[in-house]
Amino acid sequence: MKVTISHLNEMKFEAKTEKSSFIIDCPQITPIEYFLSGIISCSATDVVLLPKNQGKTVSNLVIEGDAVRNEDFPKKFNTLHLEYSFDSDGDDMMAARWVMASLETYCSTINTIRDSVLISYSITHNGIKIRENEKMISGGGSKIDLGEIESCPS
């Protein structure tokens, strides 16, 4: 994976990847906000694609991320709580497995930070809270194989 960042003017930068390019306009959206958005969207793609691979559908997916950072430099993430809310035609156990598979196996961005950030999550499925403030185990916990993820490789 290769990314090139070029300064355009003032606090605007262009990011070029092997596939595309986009503008980073600081302070409109800061690099740390892009970073957190990337972490969350990585998991979001998993929570849509894993059910699809099983013939199921997910709708109304919203994931909120709440990160607590150091007050002093470096202002890295200390904790991250992810609040998953979605509807599906799967049962609650399947819904929990899709989220856990993303967190523990498939989402490269989450697995990149999991040894240095305390990560927790909650899941609301079909309007019912099925997991509340569950903690992830750091160090690459168990692997959950629910099939191949076909797009948005991390």
Protein backbone atom coordinates (compact mmCIF):
# COMPACT_ATOMS: atom_id res chain seq x y z
CA MET A 1 0.00 0.00 0.00
CA LYS A 2 1.34 3.38 -0.95
CA VAL A 3 -0.07 6.86 -0.29
CA THR A 4 1.47 10.16 -1.37
CA ILE A 5 0.54 13.44 0.33
CA SER A 6 1.20 16.72 -1.52
CA HIS A 7 0.80 20.19 -0.07
CA LEU A 8 -1.58 22.27 -2.20
CA ASN A 9 -1.87 25.58 -0.32
CA GLU A 10 -2.42 26.88 3.20
CA MET A 11 -3.59 23.76 5.12
CA LYS A 12 -4.87 21.77 2.13
CA PHE A 13 -3.24 18.56 1.03
CA GLU A 14 -3.93 16.03 -1.71
CA ALA A 15 -3.73 12.36 -0.82
CA LYS A 16 -3.06 10.03 -3.76
CA THR A 17 -3.49 6.31 -3.44
CA GLU A 18 -3.02 3.61 -6.03
CA LYS A 19 -6.77 3.78 -6.72
CA SER A 20 -7.83 7.39 -6.28
CA SER A 21 -7.13 10.75 -4.68
CA PHE A 22 -8.86 13.09 -2.24
CA ILE A 23 -8.31 16.45 -0.58
CA ILE A 24 -7.50 16.78 3.11
CA ASP A 25 -8.67 20.24 4.15
CA CYS A 26 -7.35 20.97 7.64
CA PRO A 27 -8.79 22.17 9.95
CA GLN A 28 -12.17 21.45 8.29
CA ILE A 29 -11.51 17.78 8.92
CA THR A 30 -8.36 16.99 10.85
CA PRO A 31 -6.09 14.03 10.09
CA ILE A 32 -7.15 12.40 13.38
CA GLU A 33 -10.82 12.70 12.32
CA TYR A 34 -9.93 11.05 8.99
CA PHE A 35 -8.10 8.35 10.94
CA LEU A 36 -11.08 7.65 13.21
CA SER A 37 -13.42 7.74 10.20
CA GLY A 38 -11.20 5.19 8.46
CA ILE A 39 -11.27 2.91 11.49
CA ILE A 40 -15.05 3.05 11.67
CA SER A 41 -15.67 2.71 7.93
CA CYS A 42 -13.36 -0.33 7.82
CA SER A 43 -15.58 -2.08 10.33
CA ALA A 44 -18.75 -0.80 8.62
CA THR A 45 -17.77 -2.47 5.35
CA ASP A 46 -17.29 -5.76 7.20
CA VAL A 47 -20.68 -5.50 8.92
CA VAL A 48 -22.31 -5.07 5.50
CA LEU A 49 -20.24 -7.62 3.54
CA LEU A 50 -20.14 -10.50 6.03
CA PRO A 51 -23.95 -10.85 6.14
CA LYS A 52 -24.13 -10.41 2.36
CA ASN A 53 -21.77 -13.38 1.97
CA GLN A 54 -24.24 -15.41 4.06
CA GLY A 55 -27.27 -14.35 2.04
CA LYS A 56 -28.39 -11.86 4.70
CA THR A 57 -28.88 -8.10 4.51
CA VAL A 58 -28.07 -5.24 6.85
CA SER A 59 -29.91 -1.93 6.81
CA ASN A 60 -29.89 1.30 8.83
CA LEU A 61 -26.26 0.75 9.88
CA VAL A 62 -24.84 3.52 12.06
CA ILE A 63 -21.56 3.21 13.95
CA GLU A 64 -20.56 5.91 16.42
CA GLY A 65 -17.00 6.07 17.60
CA ASP A 66 -16.01 7.84 20.80
CA ALA A 67 -12.25 8.13 21.28
CA VAL A 68 -10.53 9.50 24.37
CA ARG A 69 -7.08 10.91 23.67
CA ASN A 70 -4.06 11.97 25.72
CA GLU A 71 -4.28 15.56 26.91
CA ASP A 72 -0.55 16.02 26.27
CA PHE A 73 1.49 15.23 23.18
CA PRO A 74 1.40 12.81 21.59
CA LYS A 75 -2.39 13.03 21.71
CA LYS A 76 -2.90 9.39 20.81
CA PHE A 77 -6.06 7.39 21.44
CA ASN A 78 -6.26 5.81 24.89
CA THR A 79 -9.74 4.34 24.57
CA LEU A 80 -12.19 3.82 21.76
CA HIS A 81 -15.82 2.83 22.18
CA LEU A 82 -17.76 1.75 19.09
CA GLU A 83 -21.56 1.81 19.19
CA TYR A 84 -23.03 -0.39 16.43
CA SER A 85 -26.70 -0.02 15.54
CA PHE A 86 -28.32 -1.85 12.63
CA ASP A 87 -31.22 -3.94 11.46
CA SER A 88 -30.90 -7.26 9.66
CA ASP A 89 -32.70 -10.42 8.72
CA GLY A 90 -30.25 -12.43 10.82
CA ASP A 91 -30.74 -13.38 14.45
CA ASP A 92 -29.00 -11.62 17.37
CA MET A 93 -26.25 -14.25 17.59
CA MET A 94 -25.41 -13.77 13.90
CA ALA A 95 -25.41 -9.98 14.31
CA ALA A 96 -22.99 -10.20 17.25
CA ARG A 97 -20.74 -12.59 15.29
CA TRP A 98 -20.57 -10.19 12.34
CA VAL A 99 -19.41 -7.36 14.59
CA MET A 100 -16.98 -9.59 16.50
CA ALA A 101 -15.54 -10.99 13.25
CA SER A 102 -14.90 -7.45 12.08
CA LEU A 103 -13.28 -6.42 15.35
CA GLU A 104 -11.25 -9.57 15.94
CA THR A 105 -10.32 -10.72 12.44
CA TYR A 106 -11.16 -8.66 9.38
CA CYS A 107 -10.81 -4.95 10.18
CA SER A 108 -7.15 -4.14 9.62
CA THR A 109 -7.39 -0.63 11.07
CA ILE A 110 -8.85 -1.80 14.38
CA ASN A 111 -6.35 -4.62 14.58
CA THR A 112 -3.54 -2.14 13.93
CA ILE A 113 -4.41 -0.14 17.08
CA ARG A 114 -5.81 -2.82 19.38
CA ASP A 115 -2.55 -3.44 21.26
CA SER A 116 -2.25 0.23 22.25
CA VAL A 117 -5.88 1.32 22.63
CA LEU A 118 -8.50 -0.07 25.00
CA ILE A 119 -11.40 -0.86 22.65
CA SER A 120 -14.97 -1.55 23.73
CA TYR A 121 -18.20 -1.92 21.82
CA SER A 122 -21.97 -2.09 22.13
CA ILE A 123 -24.46 -3.52 19.64
CA THR A 124 -28.08 -2.60 19.05
CA HIS A 125 -29.69 -5.06 16.63
CA ASN A 126 -33.22 -4.61 15.32
CA GLY A 127 -33.83 -1.97 18.00
CA ILE A 128 -32.68 -4.17 20.93
CA LYS A 129 -29.39 -3.71 22.80
CA ILE A 130 -27.70 -7.14 22.54
CA ARG A 131 -24.21 -6.20 23.79
CA GLU A 132 -23.26 -3.39 26.18
CA ASN A 133 -19.72 -2.08 26.76
CA GLU A 134 -17.98 -5.33 25.81
CA LYS A 135 -14.18 -5.08 25.98
CA MET A 136 -11.90 -6.37 23.26
CA ILE A 137 -8.93 -8.46 24.28
CA SER A 138 -5.71 -6.87 23.04
CA GLY A 139 -3.07 -8.87 21.25
CA GLY A 140 -5.15 -10.36 18.46
CA GLY A 141 -7.76 -12.50 20.20
CA SER A 142 -9.57 -15.36 18.54
CA LYS A 143 -10.18 -15.48 14.82
CA ILE A 144 -13.71 -15.77 13.58
CA ASP A 145 -13.98 -17.01 10.00
CA LEU A 146 -17.24 -16.09 8.34
CA GLY A 147 -16.03 -16.31 4.75
CA GLU A 148 -14.09 -14.10 2.41
CA ILE A 149 -14.65 -10.37 2.30
CA GLU A 150 -15.00 -9.45 -1.36
CA SER A 151 -14.28 -5.72 -1.50
CA CYS A 152 -12.83 -2.76 0.41
CA PRO A 153 -9.70 -4.65 1.42
CA SER A 154 -7.87 -2.90 4.21
